[in-house]
Amino acid sequence: MDRRKAIKNMGLSLGYVVTTPTLISIVQSCKAENALKWTPDFFTKDEGTVITHLVDLILPKSDTPSASEVQVDIFIDRFIDQVMKRKDQQLLKFGMRKFIGKALADTGKKSAGGLKRDEIEAVLSTAIKIPKEAQKENDKAIENYMEALTESTNVRLDDEVAQYAFAKEIRAMTIFGYKSSEFVGKEVMKYLPVPGAYVACGTTEELTGGKAWSL
């Protein structure tokens, strides 16, 4: 299945619970921001550069715009800053440090801002393209780690698991942010701002041609 068709058929079901005004506010602020002048709120400038590379690795330009072309990188930064709970922010930041640390160690470079896209892609592939059984083990380790943090700060998460947690979260937020963008909502998914006639039992194919609703 090509990406355009996959996006059309995919609903917003990534587990985030966000009030509509909050989501609209974040999306509109991203649209208004000039990407060339973007200053991250949550990430450092170098980390923001890594995020831009990552979102375009996850959703590169094809017959639809790349993720950064619809400001998904800016969306992610503001979503984390404004919506995420502090403990989740801390896990993501920790995972990002481990992710970038591996990229720097592998390349011998000194700063995240100097990392090239293919160098980041190598770490992303290692972190996330693992067998399903390993994914389950990592997910369980993350769950245990988060539970342990409620009782003590003296807990440890393996570097590889932290990198996986970061990569998985960024992938989920990239898809979420992409589908929340105005372009994808109007041009790729089924968009009907003013509801029409009520149809009680129509199939998705009959009602939208197989597309998920953006509203």
C-alpha atoms as a PDB file:
ATOM      1  CA  MET A   1       0.000   0.000   0.000  1.00  0.00           C
ATOM      2  CA  ASP A   2       1.409   3.432  -0.937  1.00  0.00           C
ATOM      3  CA  ARG A   3       1.725   6.146   1.678  1.00  0.00           C
ATOM      4  CA  ARG A   4      -1.071   8.364   0.353  1.00  0.00           C
ATOM      5  CA  LYS A   5      -3.558   5.474   0.526  1.00  0.00           C
ATOM      6  CA  ALA A   6      -2.340   4.434   3.970  1.00  0.00           C
ATOM      7  CA  ILE A   7      -2.816   7.948   5.332  1.00  0.00           C
ATOM      8  CA  LYS A   8      -6.282   8.195   3.796  1.00  0.00           C
ATOM      9  CA  ASN A   9      -7.339   5.027   5.592  1.00  0.00           C
ATOM     10  CA  MET A  10      -5.672   5.684   8.951  1.00  0.00           C
ATOM     11  CA  GLY A  11      -7.613   7.287  11.786  1.00  0.00           C
ATOM     12  CA  LEU A  12      -6.199   9.347  14.638  1.00  0.00           C
ATOM     13  CA  SER A  13      -5.781   6.430  17.030  1.00  0.00           C
ATOM     14  CA  LEU A  14      -2.344   6.869  18.578  1.00  0.00           C
ATOM     15  CA  GLY A  15      -3.510   7.121  22.165  1.00  0.00           C
ATOM     16  CA  TYR A  16      -3.320  10.893  22.635  1.00  0.00           C
ATOM     17  CA  VAL A  17      -6.197  12.629  24.351  1.00  0.00           C
ATOM     18  CA  VAL A  18      -6.133  16.305  23.414  1.00  0.00           C
ATOM     19  CA  THR A  19      -8.950  18.824  23.617  1.00  0.00           C
ATOM     20  CA  THR A  20      -9.926  20.211  20.220  1.00  0.00           C
ATOM     21  CA  PRO A  21      -9.079  23.864  21.073  1.00  0.00           C
ATOM     22  CA  THR A  22      -5.603  22.818  22.240  1.00  0.00           C
ATOM     23  CA  LEU A  23      -4.911  20.814  19.097  1.00  0.00           C
ATOM     24  CA  ILE A  24      -6.232  23.558  16.817  1.00  0.00           C
ATOM     25  CA  SER A  25      -4.108  26.139  18.615  1.00  0.00           C
ATOM     26  CA  ILE A  26      -0.938  24.084  18.152  1.00  0.00           C
ATOM     27  CA  VAL A  27      -1.662  23.335  14.491  1.00  0.00           C
ATOM     28  CA  GLN A  28      -2.425  26.986  13.708  1.00  0.00           C
ATOM     29  CA  SER A  29       0.718  28.202  15.455  1.00  0.00           C
ATOM     30  CA  CYS A  30       2.811  25.782  13.386  1.00  0.00           C
ATOM     31  CA  LYS A  31       1.189  26.976  10.170  1.00  0.00           C
ATOM     32  CA  ALA A  32       1.973  30.591  11.006  1.00  0.00           C
ATOM     33  CA  GLU A  33       5.599  29.878  11.895  1.00  0.00           C
ATOM     34  CA  ASN A  34       8.251  30.402   9.254  1.00  0.00           C
ATOM     35  CA  ALA A  35      10.238  27.162   9.339  1.00  0.00           C
ATOM     36  CA  LEU A  36      13.483  29.005   8.595  1.00  0.00           C
ATOM     37  CA  LYS A  37      13.022  31.072  11.761  1.00  0.00           C
ATOM     38  CA  TRP A  38      11.730  28.260  13.937  1.00  0.00           C
ATOM     39  CA  THR A  39      13.032  28.348  17.498  1.00  0.00           C
ATOM     40  CA  PRO A  40      12.132  25.200  19.474  1.00  0.00           C
ATOM     41  CA  ASP A  41      10.268  25.588  22.752  1.00  0.00           C
ATOM     42  CA  PHE A  42      11.089  22.175  24.232  1.00  0.00           C
ATOM     43  CA  PHE A  43      14.169  21.040  22.312  1.00  0.00           C
ATOM     44  CA  THR A  44      17.481  22.803  21.883  1.00  0.00           C
ATOM     45  CA  LYS A  45      18.273  24.184  18.430  1.00  0.00           C
ATOM     46  CA  ASP A  46      20.510  21.187  17.611  1.00  0.00           C
ATOM     47  CA  GLU A  47      17.858  18.772  18.880  1.00  0.00           C
ATOM     48  CA  GLY A  48      15.304  20.557  16.718  1.00  0.00           C
ATOM     49  CA  THR A  49      17.508  19.915  13.687  1.00  0.00           C
ATOM     50  CA  VAL A  50      17.575  16.206  14.553  1.00  0.00           C
ATOM     51  CA  ILE A  51      13.778  16.180  14.882  1.00  0.00           C
ATOM     52  CA  THR A  52      13.438  17.756  11.430  1.00  0.00           C
ATOM     53  CA  HIS A  53      15.648  15.034   9.951  1.00  0.00           C
ATOM     54  CA  LEU A  54      13.714  12.328  11.796  1.00  0.00           C
ATOM     55  CA  VAL A  55      10.241  13.384  10.685  1.00  0.00           C
ATOM     56  CA  ASP A  56      11.387  13.482   7.058  1.00  0.00           C
ATOM     57  CA  LEU A  57      12.957  10.049   7.396  1.00  0.00           C
ATOM     58  CA  ILE A  58       9.674   8.722   8.758  1.00  0.00           C
ATOM     59  CA  LEU A  59       7.492  10.532   6.191  1.00  0.00           C
ATOM     60  CA  PRO A  60       9.660  11.661   3.268  1.00  0.00           C
ATOM     61  CA  LYS A  61       8.364  13.601   0.295  1.00  0.00           C
ATOM     62  CA  SER A  62       6.521  11.460  -2.253  1.00  0.00           C
ATOM     63  CA  ASP A  63       3.217  12.229  -3.945  1.00  0.00           C
ATOM     64  CA  THR A  64       2.440  14.089  -0.717  1.00  0.00           C
ATOM     65  CA  PRO A  65       4.646  16.670   1.064  1.00  0.00           C
ATOM     66  CA  SER A  66       7.319  15.563   3.493  1.00  0.00           C
ATOM     67  CA  ALA A  67       6.548  15.852   7.202  1.00  0.00           C
ATOM     68  CA  SER A  68       8.653  18.984   7.659  1.00  0.00           C
ATOM     69  CA  GLU A  69       6.930  20.658   4.692  1.00  0.00           C
ATOM     70  CA  VAL A  70       3.719  20.692   6.730  1.00  0.00           C
ATOM     71  CA  GLN A  71       5.615  21.740   9.905  1.00  0.00           C
ATOM     72  CA  VAL A  72       5.345  18.414  11.729  1.00  0.00           C
ATOM     73  CA  ASP A  73       8.705  19.064  13.411  1.00  0.00           C
ATOM     74  CA  ILE A  74       7.348  22.299  14.894  1.00  0.00           C
ATOM     75  CA  PHE A  75       4.108  20.550  15.858  1.00  0.00           C
ATOM     76  CA  ILE A  76       6.007  17.835  17.757  1.00  0.00           C
ATOM     77  CA  ASP A  77       8.080  20.373  19.688  1.00  0.00           C
ATOM     78  CA  ARG A  78       5.000  22.315  20.769  1.00  0.00           C
ATOM     79  CA  PHE A  79       2.907  19.237  21.428  1.00  0.00           C
ATOM     80  CA  ILE A  80       5.549  17.891  23.815  1.00  0.00           C
ATOM     81  CA  ASP A  81       5.986  21.292  25.455  1.00  0.00           C
ATOM     82  CA  GLN A  82       2.278  22.056  25.893  1.00  0.00           C
ATOM     83  CA  VAL A  83       0.529  18.683  26.173  1.00  0.00           C
ATOM     84  CA  MET A  84       2.853  15.954  27.446  1.00  0.00           C
ATOM     85  CA  LYS A  85       3.059  15.134  31.136  1.00  0.00           C
ATOM     86  CA  ARG A  86       6.361  15.945  32.773  1.00  0.00           C
ATOM     87  CA  LYS A  87       7.320  12.290  33.353  1.00  0.00           C
ATOM     88  CA  ASP A  88       6.742  11.545  29.661  1.00  0.00           C
ATOM     89  CA  GLN A  89       8.777  14.603  28.687  1.00  0.00           C
ATOM     90  CA  GLN A  90      11.617  13.343  30.859  1.00  0.00           C
ATOM     91  CA  LEU A  91      11.565   9.875  29.290  1.00  0.00           C
ATOM     92  CA  LEU A  92      11.554  11.340  25.793  1.00  0.00           C
ATOM     93  CA  LYS A  93      14.411  13.729  26.599  1.00  0.00           C
ATOM     94  CA  PHE A  94      16.402  10.896  28.161  1.00  0.00           C
ATOM     95  CA  GLY A  95      15.809   8.705  25.122  1.00  0.00           C
ATOM     96  CA  MET A  96      16.824  11.516  22.802  1.00  0.00           C
ATOM     97  CA  ARG A  97      20.108  11.995  24.654  1.00  0.00           C
ATOM     98  CA  LYS A  98      20.865   8.297  24.233  1.00  0.00           C
ATOM     99  CA  PHE A  99      19.773   8.372  20.573  1.00  0.00           C
ATOM    100  CA  ILE A 100      21.928  11.380  19.729  1.00  0.00           C
ATOM    101  CA  GLY A 101      24.763  10.016  21.857  1.00  0.00           C
ATOM    102  CA  LYS A 102      24.876   6.864  19.753  1.00  0.00           C
ATOM    103  CA  ALA A 103      24.837   8.866  16.520  1.00  0.00           C
ATOM    104  CA  LEU A 104      27.729  11.010  17.748  1.00  0.00           C
ATOM    105  CA  ALA A 105      29.684   7.969  18.943  1.00  0.00           C
ATOM    106  CA  ASP A 106      29.157   6.183  15.626  1.00  0.00           C
ATOM    107  CA  THR A 107      30.218   9.181  13.537  1.00  0.00           C
ATOM    108  CA  GLY A 108      32.851  10.739  15.772  1.00  0.00           C
ATOM    109  CA  LYS A 109      31.097  14.093  15.553  1.00  0.00           C
ATOM    110  CA  LYS A 110      30.895  16.543  18.431  1.00  0.00           C
ATOM    111  CA  SER A 111      27.449  18.127  18.088  1.00  0.00           C
ATOM    112  CA  ALA A 112      23.977  16.987  17.086  1.00  0.00           C
ATOM    113  CA  GLY A 113      23.620  19.933  14.722  1.00  0.00           C
ATOM    114  CA  GLY A 114      26.368  18.486  12.544  1.00  0.00           C
ATOM    115  CA  LEU A 115      24.714  15.107  12.045  1.00  0.00           C
ATOM    116  CA  LYS A 116      23.606  14.311   8.502  1.00  0.00           C
ATOM    117  CA  ARG A 117      20.303  12.673   7.679  1.00  0.00           C
ATOM    118  CA  ASP A 118      21.824   9.331   6.682  1.00  0.00           C
ATOM    119  CA  GLU A 119      23.777   9.226   9.950  1.00  0.00           C
ATOM    120  CA  ILE A 120      20.566   9.744  11.900  1.00  0.00           C
ATOM    121  CA  GLU A 121      18.775   7.188   9.731  1.00  0.00           C
ATOM    122  CA  ALA A 122      21.309   4.518  10.701  1.00  0.00           C
ATOM    123  CA  VAL A 123      20.494   4.955  14.399  1.00  0.00           C
ATOM    124  CA  LEU A 124      16.757   5.157  13.713  1.00  0.00           C
ATOM    125  CA  SER A 125      16.824   1.866  11.804  1.00  0.00           C
ATOM    126  CA  THR A 126      18.808   0.140  14.543  1.00  0.00           C
ATOM    127  CA  ALA A 127      16.445   1.420  17.229  1.00  0.00           C
ATOM    128  CA  ILE A 128      13.113   0.668  15.636  1.00  0.00           C
ATOM    129  CA  LYS A 129      13.551  -2.080  13.046  1.00  0.00           C
ATOM    130  CA  ILE A 130      13.733  -4.947  15.499  1.00  0.00           C
ATOM    131  CA  PRO A 131      11.797  -8.240  15.790  1.00  0.00           C
ATOM    132  CA  LYS A 132       8.315  -8.101  17.322  1.00  0.00           C
ATOM    133  CA  GLU A 133       9.438 -10.138  20.313  1.00  0.00           C
ATOM    134  CA  ALA A 134      12.184  -7.610  21.037  1.00  0.00           C
ATOM    135  CA  GLN A 135       9.639  -4.798  20.704  1.00  0.00           C
ATOM    136  CA  LYS A 136       7.415  -6.480  23.295  1.00  0.00           C
ATOM    137  CA  GLU A 137      10.363  -6.884  25.660  1.00  0.00           C
ATOM    138  CA  ASN A 138      11.310  -3.225  25.215  1.00  0.00           C
ATOM    139  CA  ASP A 139       7.729  -2.073  25.784  1.00  0.00           C
ATOM    140  CA  LYS A 140       7.580  -4.100  29.004  1.00  0.00           C
ATOM    141  CA  ALA A 141      10.913  -2.674  30.158  1.00  0.00           C
ATOM    142  CA  ILE A 142       9.635   0.857  29.527  1.00  0.00           C
ATOM    143  CA  GLU A 143       6.413   0.121  31.432  1.00  0.00           C
ATOM    144  CA  ASN A 144       8.376  -1.249  34.400  1.00  0.00           C
ATOM    145  CA  TYR A 145      10.721   1.740  34.304  1.00  0.00           C
ATOM    146  CA  MET A 146       7.860   4.257  34.388  1.00  0.00           C
ATOM    147  CA  GLU A 147       6.187   2.407  37.265  1.00  0.00           C
ATOM    148  CA  ALA A 148       9.447   2.277  39.218  1.00  0.00           C
ATOM    149  CA  LEU A 149       9.913   6.030  38.779  1.00  0.00           C
ATOM    150  CA  THR A 150       6.801   6.649  40.877  1.00  0.00           C
ATOM    151  CA  GLU A 151       8.597   5.132  43.870  1.00  0.00           C
ATOM    152  CA  SER A 152      12.238   6.032  43.276  1.00  0.00           C
ATOM    153  CA  THR A 153      14.435   8.084  40.954  1.00  0.00           C
ATOM    154  CA  ASN A 154      17.228   5.544  41.332  1.00  0.00           C
ATOM    155  CA  VAL A 155      16.129   3.347  38.426  1.00  0.00           C
ATOM    156  CA  ARG A 156      17.880   2.579  35.168  1.00  0.00           C
ATOM    157  CA  LEU A 157      16.766   2.015  31.594  1.00  0.00           C
ATOM    158  CA  ASP A 158      19.136   0.342  29.140  1.00  0.00           C
ATOM    159  CA  ASP A 159      20.460   2.656  26.441  1.00  0.00           C
ATOM    160  CA  GLU A 160      19.045   0.555  23.597  1.00  0.00           C
ATOM    161  CA  VAL A 161      15.602   0.511  25.202  1.00  0.00           C
ATOM    162  CA  ALA A 162      15.742   4.284  25.722  1.00  0.00           C
ATOM    163  CA  GLN A 163      16.649   4.786  22.056  1.00  0.00           C
ATOM    164  CA  TYR A 164      13.761   2.532  21.037  1.00  0.00           C
ATOM    165  CA  ALA A 165      11.338   4.443  23.290  1.00  0.00           C
ATOM    166  CA  PHE A 166      12.389   7.746  21.739  1.00  0.00           C
ATOM    167  CA  ALA A 167      12.237   6.514  18.144  1.00  0.00           C
ATOM    168  CA  LYS A 168       8.844   4.871  18.659  1.00  0.00           C
ATOM    169  CA  GLU A 169       7.358   7.991  20.240  1.00  0.00           C
ATOM    170  CA  ILE A 170       8.685  10.302  17.530  1.00  0.00           C
ATOM    171  CA  ARG A 171       7.320   7.987  14.842  1.00  0.00           C
ATOM    172  CA  ALA A 172       3.866   8.017  16.470  1.00  0.00           C
ATOM    173  CA  MET A 173       3.860  11.794  16.887  1.00  0.00           C
ATOM    174  CA  THR A 174       5.068  12.300  13.312  1.00  0.00           C
ATOM    175  CA  ILE A 175       2.077  10.380  11.962  1.00  0.00           C
ATOM    176  CA  PHE A 176      -0.261  12.135  14.404  1.00  0.00           C
ATOM    177  CA  GLY A 177       1.104  15.574  13.503  1.00  0.00           C
ATOM    178  CA  TYR A 178       1.033  14.860   9.782  1.00  0.00           C
ATOM    179  CA  LYS A 179      -2.610  13.796   9.893  1.00  0.00           C
ATOM    180  CA  SER A 180      -3.447  16.855  12.002  1.00  0.00           C
ATOM    181  CA  SER A 181      -1.993  19.272   9.437  1.00  0.00           C
ATOM    182  CA  GLU A 182      -4.334  21.373   7.318  1.00  0.00           C
ATOM    183  CA  PHE A 183      -2.970  20.080   4.009  1.00  0.00           C
ATOM    184  CA  VAL A 184      -3.400  16.405   4.841  1.00  0.00           C
ATOM    185  CA  GLY A 185      -6.768  17.020   6.483  1.00  0.00           C
ATOM    186  CA  LYS A 186      -8.149  18.770   3.408  1.00  0.00           C
ATOM    187  CA  GLU A 187      -6.240  17.275   0.484  1.00  0.00           C
ATOM    188  CA  VAL A 188      -5.557  13.656   1.469  1.00  0.00           C
ATOM    189  CA  MET A 189      -8.240  12.644   3.972  1.00  0.00           C
ATOM    190  CA  LYS A 190     -11.996  13.139   3.588  1.00  0.00           C
ATOM    191  CA  TYR A 191     -12.865  16.700   4.630  1.00  0.00           C
ATOM    192  CA  LEU A 192     -16.419  17.915   5.215  1.00  0.00           C
ATOM    193  CA  PRO A 193     -16.488  20.983   7.516  1.00  0.00           C
ATOM    194  CA  VAL A 194     -20.298  21.230   7.390  1.00  0.00           C
ATOM    195  CA  PRO A 195     -21.898  17.775   7.851  1.00  0.00           C
ATOM    196  CA  GLY A 196     -24.354  16.724   5.185  1.00  0.00           C
ATOM    197  CA  ALA A 197     -27.182  14.211   5.308  1.00  0.00           C
ATOM    198  CA  TYR A 198     -27.221  11.651   8.126  1.00  0.00           C
ATOM    199  CA  VAL A 199     -26.552   8.122   6.868  1.00  0.00           C
ATOM    200  CA  ALA A 200     -26.948   5.524   9.613  1.00  0.00           C
ATOM    201  CA  CYS A 201     -25.464   2.419   8.031  1.00  0.00           C
ATOM    202  CA  GLY A 202     -23.227   3.423   5.141  1.00  0.00           C
ATOM    203  CA  THR A 203     -19.818   1.808   4.729  1.00  0.00           C
ATOM    204  CA  THR A 204     -16.601   3.811   4.569  1.00  0.00           C
ATOM    205  CA  GLU A 205     -16.242   2.881   0.906  1.00  0.00           C
ATOM    206  CA  GLU A 206     -19.751   4.148   0.159  1.00  0.00           C
ATOM    207  CA  LEU A 207     -19.445   7.368   2.166  1.00  0.00           C
ATOM    208  CA  THR A 208     -15.867   8.497   1.569  1.00  0.00           C
ATOM    209  CA  GLY A 209     -14.323   6.190  -1.005  1.00  0.00           C
ATOM    210  CA  GLY A 210     -12.359   4.429   1.729  1.00  0.00           C
ATOM    211  CA  LYS A 211     -10.848   7.584   3.226  1.00  0.00           C
ATOM    212  CA  ALA A 212     -10.724   8.314   6.957  1.00  0.00           C
ATOM    213  CA  TRP A 213     -12.486  11.511   8.040  1.00  0.00           C
ATOM    214  CA  SER A 214     -10.285  14.448   9.002  1.00  0.00           C
ATOM    215  CA  LEU A 215     -13.117  16.004  11.017  1.00  0.00           C
END
